[in-house]
N, C-alpha and C. Protein backbone atom coordinates (compact mmCIF):
# COMPACT_ATOMS: atom_id res chain seq x y z
N UNK A 1 -47.71 -55.40 7.32
CA UNK A 1 -48.88 -54.82 7.92
C UNK A 1 -49.24 -55.53 9.23
N UNK A 2 -49.08 -56.84 9.24
CA UNK A 2 -49.40 -57.57 10.48
C UNK A 2 -48.43 -57.22 11.59
N UNK A 3 -47.17 -56.97 11.23
CA UNK A 3 -46.20 -56.54 12.25
C UNK A 3 -46.61 -55.21 12.86
N UNK A 4 -47.10 -54.32 12.02
CA UNK A 4 -47.55 -53.02 12.50
C UNK A 4 -48.73 -53.17 13.46
N UNK A 5 -49.70 -54.00 13.08
CA UNK A 5 -50.88 -54.21 13.95
C UNK A 5 -50.46 -54.88 15.25
N UNK A 6 -49.55 -55.87 15.17
CA UNK A 6 -49.07 -56.53 16.38
C UNK A 6 -48.33 -55.55 17.29
N UNK A 7 -47.65 -54.59 16.68
CA UNK A 7 -46.86 -53.63 17.45
C UNK A 7 -47.74 -52.64 18.21
N UNK A 8 -48.85 -52.21 17.59
CA UNK A 8 -49.68 -51.18 18.22
C UNK A 8 -50.78 -51.76 19.11
N UNK A 9 -51.13 -53.03 18.93
CA UNK A 9 -52.24 -53.61 19.70
C UNK A 9 -52.00 -53.61 21.20
N UNK A 10 -50.82 -53.99 21.72
CA UNK A 10 -50.65 -53.99 23.18
C UNK A 10 -50.75 -52.61 23.81
N UNK A 11 -50.44 -51.57 23.06
CA UNK A 11 -50.44 -50.21 23.61
C UNK A 11 -51.74 -49.46 23.33
N UNK A 12 -52.73 -50.11 22.73
CA UNK A 12 -53.94 -49.39 22.31
C UNK A 12 -54.65 -48.74 23.50
N UNK A 13 -54.81 -49.47 24.60
CA UNK A 13 -55.51 -48.92 25.77
C UNK A 13 -54.74 -47.72 26.33
N UNK A 14 -53.44 -47.87 26.46
CA UNK A 14 -52.62 -46.76 26.99
C UNK A 14 -52.66 -45.56 26.05
N UNK A 15 -52.62 -45.81 24.75
CA UNK A 15 -52.65 -44.71 23.79
C UNK A 15 -53.99 -43.97 23.82
N UNK A 16 -55.08 -44.71 23.93
CA UNK A 16 -56.39 -44.06 23.98
C UNK A 16 -56.52 -43.24 25.26
N UNK A 17 -56.10 -43.78 26.39
CA UNK A 17 -56.18 -43.04 27.65
C UNK A 17 -55.31 -41.79 27.62
N UNK A 18 -54.12 -41.91 27.04
CA UNK A 18 -53.25 -40.74 26.92
C UNK A 18 -53.87 -39.69 26.02
N UNK A 19 -54.49 -40.12 24.93
CA UNK A 19 -55.14 -39.18 24.02
C UNK A 19 -56.30 -38.45 24.67
N UNK A 20 -57.11 -39.18 25.44
CA UNK A 20 -58.24 -38.55 26.13
C UNK A 20 -57.73 -37.55 27.17
N UNK A 21 -56.68 -37.93 27.89
CA UNK A 21 -56.12 -37.04 28.91
C UNK A 21 -55.59 -35.76 28.30
N UNK A 22 -54.84 -35.89 27.21
CA UNK A 22 -54.27 -34.70 26.56
C UNK A 22 -55.38 -33.83 25.98
N UNK A 23 -56.40 -34.46 25.38
CA UNK A 23 -57.47 -33.66 24.79
C UNK A 23 -58.25 -32.89 25.85
N UNK A 24 -58.49 -33.51 27.00
CA UNK A 24 -59.19 -32.80 28.07
C UNK A 24 -58.34 -31.69 28.67
N UNK A 25 -57.04 -31.91 28.72
CA UNK A 25 -56.14 -30.89 29.26
C UNK A 25 -55.99 -29.72 28.29
N UNK A 26 -56.19 -29.96 26.99
CA UNK A 26 -56.01 -28.91 26.00
C UNK A 26 -57.20 -27.95 25.92
N UNK A 27 -58.36 -28.35 26.41
CA UNK A 27 -59.56 -27.51 26.24
C UNK A 27 -59.38 -26.12 26.85
N UNK A 28 -58.98 -26.00 28.13
CA UNK A 28 -58.82 -24.64 28.67
C UNK A 28 -57.70 -23.86 27.97
N UNK A 29 -56.63 -24.56 27.60
CA UNK A 29 -55.52 -23.90 26.92
C UNK A 29 -55.97 -23.34 25.57
N UNK A 30 -56.69 -24.13 24.81
CA UNK A 30 -57.14 -23.70 23.49
C UNK A 30 -58.12 -22.53 23.60
N UNK A 31 -59.02 -22.61 24.55
CA UNK A 31 -59.99 -21.51 24.71
C UNK A 31 -59.28 -20.22 25.14
N UNK A 32 -58.30 -20.34 26.03
CA UNK A 32 -57.55 -19.16 26.45
C UNK A 32 -56.78 -18.55 25.28
N UNK A 33 -56.13 -19.38 24.47
CA UNK A 33 -55.41 -18.86 23.32
C UNK A 33 -56.36 -18.28 22.28
N UNK A 34 -57.58 -18.80 22.20
CA UNK A 34 -58.57 -18.24 21.27
C UNK A 34 -58.93 -16.82 21.68
N UNK A 35 -59.07 -16.58 22.98
CA UNK A 35 -59.38 -15.22 23.43
C UNK A 35 -58.21 -14.28 23.17
N UNK A 36 -56.99 -14.78 23.34
CA UNK A 36 -55.81 -13.95 23.06
C UNK A 36 -55.73 -13.62 21.58
N UNK A 37 -56.01 -14.61 20.73
CA UNK A 37 -55.94 -14.41 19.28
C UNK A 37 -57.20 -13.74 18.72
N UNK A 38 -58.19 -13.51 19.57
CA UNK A 38 -59.45 -12.87 19.20
C UNK A 38 -60.18 -13.63 18.09
N UNK A 39 -60.26 -14.95 18.26
CA UNK A 39 -61.05 -15.79 17.37
C UNK A 39 -62.08 -16.53 18.21
N UNK A 40 -63.02 -17.14 17.55
CA UNK A 40 -64.06 -17.88 18.26
C UNK A 40 -63.46 -19.11 18.93
N UNK A 41 -63.83 -19.39 20.17
CA UNK A 41 -63.32 -20.60 20.83
C UNK A 41 -63.71 -21.88 20.10
N UNK A 42 -64.85 -21.87 19.39
CA UNK A 42 -65.26 -23.05 18.62
C UNK A 42 -64.26 -23.32 17.50
N UNK A 43 -63.81 -22.28 16.83
CA UNK A 43 -62.81 -22.44 15.77
C UNK A 43 -61.52 -23.01 16.36
N UNK A 44 -61.13 -22.51 17.51
CA UNK A 44 -59.91 -23.00 18.15
C UNK A 44 -60.04 -24.46 18.58
N UNK A 45 -61.21 -24.84 19.09
CA UNK A 45 -61.42 -26.23 19.49
C UNK A 45 -61.39 -27.16 18.29
N UNK A 46 -62.00 -26.74 17.18
CA UNK A 46 -61.93 -27.56 15.97
C UNK A 46 -60.49 -27.69 15.49
N UNK A 47 -59.74 -26.59 15.55
CA UNK A 47 -58.34 -26.63 15.15
C UNK A 47 -57.52 -27.57 16.01
N UNK A 48 -57.75 -27.53 17.31
CA UNK A 48 -57.04 -28.44 18.22
C UNK A 48 -57.40 -29.89 17.94
N UNK A 49 -58.66 -30.14 17.61
CA UNK A 49 -59.09 -31.49 17.28
C UNK A 49 -58.38 -31.99 16.03
N UNK A 50 -58.30 -31.13 15.02
CA UNK A 50 -57.63 -31.53 13.77
C UNK A 50 -56.14 -31.76 14.01
N UNK A 51 -55.50 -30.92 14.82
CA UNK A 51 -54.09 -31.12 15.15
C UNK A 51 -53.89 -32.47 15.82
N UNK A 52 -54.78 -32.81 16.75
CA UNK A 52 -54.68 -34.10 17.43
C UNK A 52 -54.85 -35.27 16.49
N UNK A 53 -55.81 -35.19 15.58
CA UNK A 53 -56.04 -36.27 14.62
C UNK A 53 -54.84 -36.42 13.69
N UNK A 54 -54.35 -35.32 13.16
CA UNK A 54 -53.22 -35.38 12.23
C UNK A 54 -51.97 -35.93 12.91
N UNK A 55 -51.69 -35.47 14.13
CA UNK A 55 -50.50 -35.97 14.81
C UNK A 55 -50.67 -37.43 15.21
N UNK A 56 -51.89 -37.87 15.48
CA UNK A 56 -52.12 -39.28 15.80
C UNK A 56 -51.96 -40.15 14.55
N UNK A 57 -52.43 -39.68 13.42
CA UNK A 57 -52.35 -40.48 12.20
C UNK A 57 -50.94 -40.55 11.64
N UNK A 58 -50.24 -39.43 11.66
CA UNK A 58 -48.91 -39.39 11.06
C UNK A 58 -47.80 -39.61 12.06
N UNK A 59 -48.16 -39.81 13.31
CA UNK A 59 -47.19 -40.22 14.33
C UNK A 59 -46.28 -39.11 14.78
N UNK A 60 -45.26 -39.55 15.40
CA UNK A 60 -44.28 -38.64 15.98
C UNK A 60 -43.33 -39.45 16.81
N UNK A 61 -43.07 -39.00 18.00
CA UNK A 61 -42.18 -39.70 18.92
C UNK A 61 -42.93 -39.99 20.21
N UNK A 62 -42.49 -40.98 20.97
CA UNK A 62 -43.13 -41.20 22.27
C UNK A 62 -42.97 -39.97 23.16
N UNK A 63 -44.04 -39.58 23.78
CA UNK A 63 -44.00 -38.40 24.65
C UNK A 63 -44.24 -37.10 23.93
N UNK A 64 -44.45 -37.13 22.62
CA UNK A 64 -44.71 -35.91 21.86
C UNK A 64 -46.17 -35.50 22.05
N UNK A 65 -46.38 -34.27 22.46
CA UNK A 65 -47.73 -33.74 22.61
C UNK A 65 -47.85 -32.55 21.66
N UNK A 66 -48.80 -32.64 20.76
CA UNK A 66 -49.04 -31.54 19.83
C UNK A 66 -50.25 -30.78 20.32
N UNK A 67 -50.12 -29.49 20.39
CA UNK A 67 -51.25 -28.69 20.87
C UNK A 67 -51.10 -27.25 20.45
N UNK A 68 -51.93 -26.43 21.05
CA UNK A 68 -51.89 -25.00 20.74
C UNK A 68 -50.59 -24.40 21.24
N UNK A 69 -50.13 -23.38 20.56
CA UNK A 69 -48.90 -22.72 20.96
C UNK A 69 -49.18 -21.25 21.20
N UNK A 70 -48.80 -20.77 22.37
CA UNK A 70 -49.03 -19.38 22.73
C UNK A 70 -48.29 -18.41 21.83
N UNK A 71 -47.16 -18.83 21.30
CA UNK A 71 -46.38 -17.93 20.44
C UNK A 71 -47.16 -17.57 19.19
N UNK A 72 -47.80 -18.54 18.57
CA UNK A 72 -48.54 -18.22 17.36
C UNK A 72 -49.86 -17.53 17.68
N UNK A 73 -50.44 -17.79 18.84
CA UNK A 73 -51.68 -17.11 19.21
C UNK A 73 -51.45 -15.60 19.30
N UNK A 74 -50.31 -15.22 19.83
CA UNK A 74 -49.99 -13.79 19.96
C UNK A 74 -49.77 -13.17 18.59
N UNK A 75 -49.14 -13.91 17.68
CA UNK A 75 -48.88 -13.39 16.34
C UNK A 75 -50.16 -13.30 15.53
N UNK A 76 -51.07 -14.25 15.76
CA UNK A 76 -52.30 -14.29 14.97
C UNK A 76 -53.23 -13.11 15.23
N UNK A 77 -53.10 -12.44 16.36
CA UNK A 77 -53.99 -11.32 16.68
C UNK A 77 -53.92 -10.27 15.59
N UNK A 78 -52.73 -9.81 15.29
CA UNK A 78 -52.56 -8.76 14.28
C UNK A 78 -52.95 -9.28 12.89
N UNK A 79 -52.58 -10.52 12.58
CA UNK A 79 -52.86 -11.07 11.26
C UNK A 79 -54.37 -11.19 11.02
N UNK A 80 -55.11 -11.63 12.02
CA UNK A 80 -56.56 -11.78 11.87
C UNK A 80 -57.22 -10.42 11.75
N UNK A 81 -56.79 -9.44 12.53
CA UNK A 81 -57.35 -8.09 12.44
C UNK A 81 -57.08 -7.49 11.07
N UNK A 82 -55.86 -7.69 10.56
CA UNK A 82 -55.52 -7.17 9.24
C UNK A 82 -56.35 -7.86 8.16
N UNK A 83 -56.56 -9.15 8.30
CA UNK A 83 -57.37 -9.87 7.32
C UNK A 83 -58.81 -9.41 7.32
N UNK A 84 -59.37 -9.19 8.50
CA UNK A 84 -60.75 -8.69 8.58
C UNK A 84 -60.84 -7.30 7.93
N UNK A 85 -59.85 -6.46 8.17
CA UNK A 85 -59.86 -5.11 7.59
C UNK A 85 -59.75 -5.17 6.07
N UNK A 86 -58.90 -6.03 5.54
CA UNK A 86 -58.75 -6.14 4.09
C UNK A 86 -59.98 -6.77 3.45
N UNK A 87 -60.68 -7.61 4.18
CA UNK A 87 -61.89 -8.21 3.65
C UNK A 87 -62.98 -7.19 3.38
N UNK A 88 -62.93 -6.07 4.08
CA UNK A 88 -63.93 -5.03 3.89
C UNK A 88 -63.62 -4.14 2.69
N UNK A 89 -62.41 -4.24 2.13
CA UNK A 89 -62.01 -3.36 1.03
C UNK A 89 -62.50 -3.84 -0.33
N UNK A 90 -62.97 -5.09 -0.43
CA UNK A 90 -63.44 -5.61 -1.71
C UNK A 90 -64.78 -4.97 -2.08
N UNK A 91 -65.13 -5.05 -3.39
CA UNK A 91 -66.42 -4.53 -3.83
C UNK A 91 -67.56 -5.22 -3.09
N UNK A 92 -67.46 -6.53 -2.98
CA UNK A 92 -68.40 -7.28 -2.14
C UNK A 92 -67.61 -7.75 -0.93
N UNK A 93 -67.84 -7.16 0.23
CA UNK A 93 -67.02 -7.48 1.42
C UNK A 93 -67.02 -8.98 1.74
N UNK A 94 -65.84 -9.46 2.09
CA UNK A 94 -65.68 -10.87 2.47
C UNK A 94 -65.74 -10.94 3.99
N UNK A 95 -66.73 -11.68 4.49
CA UNK A 95 -66.88 -11.81 5.94
C UNK A 95 -65.78 -12.71 6.49
N UNK A 96 -65.23 -12.35 7.62
CA UNK A 96 -64.23 -13.15 8.33
C UNK A 96 -63.02 -13.48 7.47
N UNK A 97 -62.52 -12.52 6.72
CA UNK A 97 -61.34 -12.73 5.88
C UNK A 97 -60.12 -13.10 6.72
N UNK A 98 -60.09 -12.67 7.98
CA UNK A 98 -58.98 -13.01 8.86
C UNK A 98 -58.84 -14.50 9.07
N UNK A 99 -59.97 -15.24 9.04
CA UNK A 99 -59.89 -16.69 9.19
C UNK A 99 -59.21 -17.34 7.98
N UNK A 100 -59.40 -16.75 6.79
CA UNK A 100 -58.71 -17.26 5.61
C UNK A 100 -57.20 -17.03 5.74
N UNK A 101 -56.82 -15.88 6.28
CA UNK A 101 -55.41 -15.60 6.56
C UNK A 101 -54.86 -16.63 7.55
N UNK A 102 -55.67 -16.92 8.58
CA UNK A 102 -55.26 -17.89 9.60
C UNK A 102 -55.04 -19.26 8.97
N UNK A 103 -55.95 -19.70 8.12
CA UNK A 103 -55.82 -21.00 7.47
C UNK A 103 -54.57 -21.05 6.60
N UNK A 104 -54.32 -20.00 5.83
CA UNK A 104 -53.14 -19.97 4.96
C UNK A 104 -51.85 -20.01 5.78
N UNK A 105 -51.82 -19.28 6.89
CA UNK A 105 -50.62 -19.27 7.73
C UNK A 105 -50.37 -20.63 8.37
N UNK A 106 -51.43 -21.29 8.82
CA UNK A 106 -51.27 -22.59 9.46
C UNK A 106 -50.81 -23.63 8.44
N UNK A 107 -51.35 -23.59 7.23
CA UNK A 107 -50.92 -24.53 6.19
C UNK A 107 -49.45 -24.29 5.84
N UNK A 108 -49.06 -23.02 5.73
CA UNK A 108 -47.66 -22.70 5.44
C UNK A 108 -46.74 -23.17 6.56
N UNK A 109 -47.16 -23.00 7.82
CA UNK A 109 -46.35 -23.49 8.94
C UNK A 109 -46.20 -25.01 8.88
N UNK A 110 -47.28 -25.71 8.52
CA UNK A 110 -47.22 -27.16 8.40
C UNK A 110 -46.24 -27.60 7.32
N UNK A 111 -46.26 -26.91 6.18
CA UNK A 111 -45.33 -27.24 5.09
C UNK A 111 -43.88 -27.01 5.53
N UNK A 112 -43.65 -25.90 6.24
CA UNK A 112 -42.29 -25.63 6.73
C UNK A 112 -41.84 -26.69 7.73
N UNK A 113 -42.75 -27.14 8.61
CA UNK A 113 -42.40 -28.18 9.57
C UNK A 113 -42.11 -29.50 8.88
N UNK A 114 -42.89 -29.84 7.85
CA UNK A 114 -42.64 -31.07 7.11
C UNK A 114 -41.27 -31.01 6.43
N UNK A 115 -40.96 -29.87 5.82
CA UNK A 115 -39.64 -29.72 5.18
C UNK A 115 -38.51 -29.79 6.20
N UNK A 116 -38.71 -29.20 7.37
CA UNK A 116 -37.69 -29.29 8.43
C UNK A 116 -37.49 -30.73 8.87
N UNK A 117 -38.57 -31.50 8.92
CA UNK A 117 -38.44 -32.91 9.28
C UNK A 117 -37.76 -33.72 8.20
N UNK A 118 -38.08 -33.44 6.94
CA UNK A 118 -37.45 -34.17 5.84
C UNK A 118 -35.95 -33.90 5.79
N UNK A 119 -35.55 -32.65 6.00
CA UNK A 119 -34.14 -32.29 5.95
C UNK A 119 -33.43 -32.43 7.29
N UNK A 120 -34.11 -32.98 8.30
CA UNK A 120 -33.52 -33.27 9.61
C UNK A 120 -32.92 -32.02 10.26
N UNK A 121 -33.67 -30.94 10.29
CA UNK A 121 -33.19 -29.68 10.86
C UNK A 121 -33.40 -29.58 12.36
N UNK A 122 -34.10 -30.54 12.96
CA UNK A 122 -34.37 -30.50 14.38
C UNK A 122 -33.13 -30.57 15.25
N UNK A 123 -32.06 -31.14 14.72
CA UNK A 123 -30.83 -31.27 15.52
C UNK A 123 -30.19 -29.91 15.81
N UNK A 124 -30.56 -28.88 15.05
CA UNK A 124 -29.96 -27.56 15.26
C UNK A 124 -30.56 -26.83 16.45
N UNK A 125 -31.65 -27.35 17.03
CA UNK A 125 -32.23 -26.73 18.22
C UNK A 125 -31.24 -26.76 19.37
N UNK A 126 -30.36 -27.75 19.38
CA UNK A 126 -29.35 -27.84 20.44
C UNK A 126 -28.40 -26.65 20.45
N UNK A 127 -28.31 -25.93 19.35
CA UNK A 127 -27.41 -24.79 19.26
C UNK A 127 -27.98 -23.53 19.92
N UNK A 128 -29.25 -23.54 20.24
CA UNK A 128 -29.87 -22.37 20.89
C UNK A 128 -29.50 -22.41 22.36
N UNK A 129 -28.88 -21.35 22.88
CA UNK A 129 -28.49 -21.34 24.30
C UNK A 129 -29.70 -21.36 25.24
N UNK A 130 -29.50 -21.93 26.39
CA UNK A 130 -30.57 -22.05 27.38
C UNK A 130 -31.12 -20.69 27.83
N UNK A 131 -30.28 -19.66 28.07
CA UNK A 131 -30.83 -18.35 28.44
C UNK A 131 -31.73 -17.75 27.35
N UNK A 132 -31.43 -18.04 26.08
CA UNK A 132 -32.27 -17.53 25.00
C UNK A 132 -33.65 -18.18 25.06
N UNK A 133 -33.68 -19.48 25.31
CA UNK A 133 -34.97 -20.18 25.42
C UNK A 133 -35.77 -19.66 26.62
N UNK A 134 -35.09 -19.47 27.75
CA UNK A 134 -35.79 -18.94 28.92
C UNK A 134 -36.33 -17.53 28.66
N UNK A 135 -35.55 -16.71 28.02
CA UNK A 135 -35.99 -15.36 27.69
C UNK A 135 -37.19 -15.36 26.76
N UNK A 136 -37.16 -16.26 25.78
CA UNK A 136 -38.29 -16.36 24.85
C UNK A 136 -39.56 -16.78 25.59
N UNK A 137 -39.46 -17.79 26.42
CA UNK A 137 -40.63 -18.29 27.14
C UNK A 137 -41.15 -17.23 28.12
N UNK A 138 -40.27 -16.56 28.83
CA UNK A 138 -40.70 -15.51 29.76
C UNK A 138 -41.33 -14.33 29.02
N UNK A 139 -40.74 -13.93 27.92
CA UNK A 139 -41.33 -12.86 27.11
C UNK A 139 -42.69 -13.25 26.57
N UNK A 140 -42.83 -14.50 26.16
CA UNK A 140 -44.10 -15.00 25.68
C UNK A 140 -45.15 -14.97 26.78
N UNK A 141 -44.77 -15.35 27.98
CA UNK A 141 -45.70 -15.32 29.11
C UNK A 141 -46.17 -13.89 29.38
N UNK A 142 -45.27 -12.93 29.29
CA UNK A 142 -45.64 -11.53 29.52
C UNK A 142 -46.60 -11.05 28.45
N UNK A 143 -46.34 -11.41 27.19
CA UNK A 143 -47.22 -10.97 26.10
C UNK A 143 -48.60 -11.61 26.22
N UNK A 144 -48.66 -12.90 26.57
CA UNK A 144 -49.95 -13.56 26.74
C UNK A 144 -50.70 -12.94 27.92
N UNK A 145 -50.01 -12.67 29.00
CA UNK A 145 -50.64 -12.04 30.17
C UNK A 145 -51.19 -10.67 29.79
N UNK A 146 -50.40 -9.90 29.07
CA UNK A 146 -50.83 -8.57 28.64
C UNK A 146 -52.06 -8.67 27.73
N UNK A 147 -52.06 -9.65 26.82
CA UNK A 147 -53.22 -9.85 25.94
C UNK A 147 -54.46 -10.24 26.71
N UNK A 148 -54.30 -11.10 27.72
CA UNK A 148 -55.45 -11.53 28.52
C UNK A 148 -55.99 -10.37 29.36
N UNK A 149 -55.11 -9.57 29.93
CA UNK A 149 -55.56 -8.43 30.73
C UNK A 149 -56.23 -7.40 29.81
N UNK A 150 -55.70 -7.23 28.60
CA UNK A 150 -56.31 -6.31 27.66
C UNK A 150 -57.73 -6.72 27.30
N UNK A 151 -57.98 -8.03 27.18
CA UNK A 151 -59.33 -8.50 26.87
C UNK A 151 -60.28 -8.23 28.03
N UNK A 152 -59.79 -8.29 29.25
CA UNK A 152 -60.65 -8.05 30.42
C UNK A 152 -61.05 -6.59 30.48
N UNK A 153 -60.11 -5.68 30.22
CA UNK A 153 -60.40 -4.26 30.36
C UNK A 153 -61.13 -3.68 29.14
N UNK A 154 -61.12 -4.38 28.00
CA UNK A 154 -61.83 -3.88 26.83
C UNK A 154 -63.33 -4.02 26.97
N UNK A 155 -63.79 -4.92 27.79
CA UNK A 155 -65.23 -5.19 27.89
C UNK A 155 -65.92 -4.29 28.82
């Protein structure tokens, strides 16, 4: 335990400054993804805070930044709408049922990521060709842009 404390003590100032910088940089990103996913920005900010705390406590690698992901924000739109619609079908309607769907999906994603880490599946990312990654990122940018423009014209 003392070795661990001795190891982290010299980097404490740098780690705190890096954490503050990343958290301030994540605020506009999280709020933007909240509008795309059609959830409250407060819920998204709390989620980003929890992601930061969990990744800080359980560690990772130097240079690893955990934050909101545009890919899941786009997927969550349909899931949250479907959850809200199903919440109205009960005898006593469940308010904000889509948020329960969101919580279940995020917990399931976390379990899958933990299992991928335990079984060391990260090395297979090298097998994905570079054009495929570029296509995915460009397609994601188009979908996020379309979602943001759709929110502007709906109002």
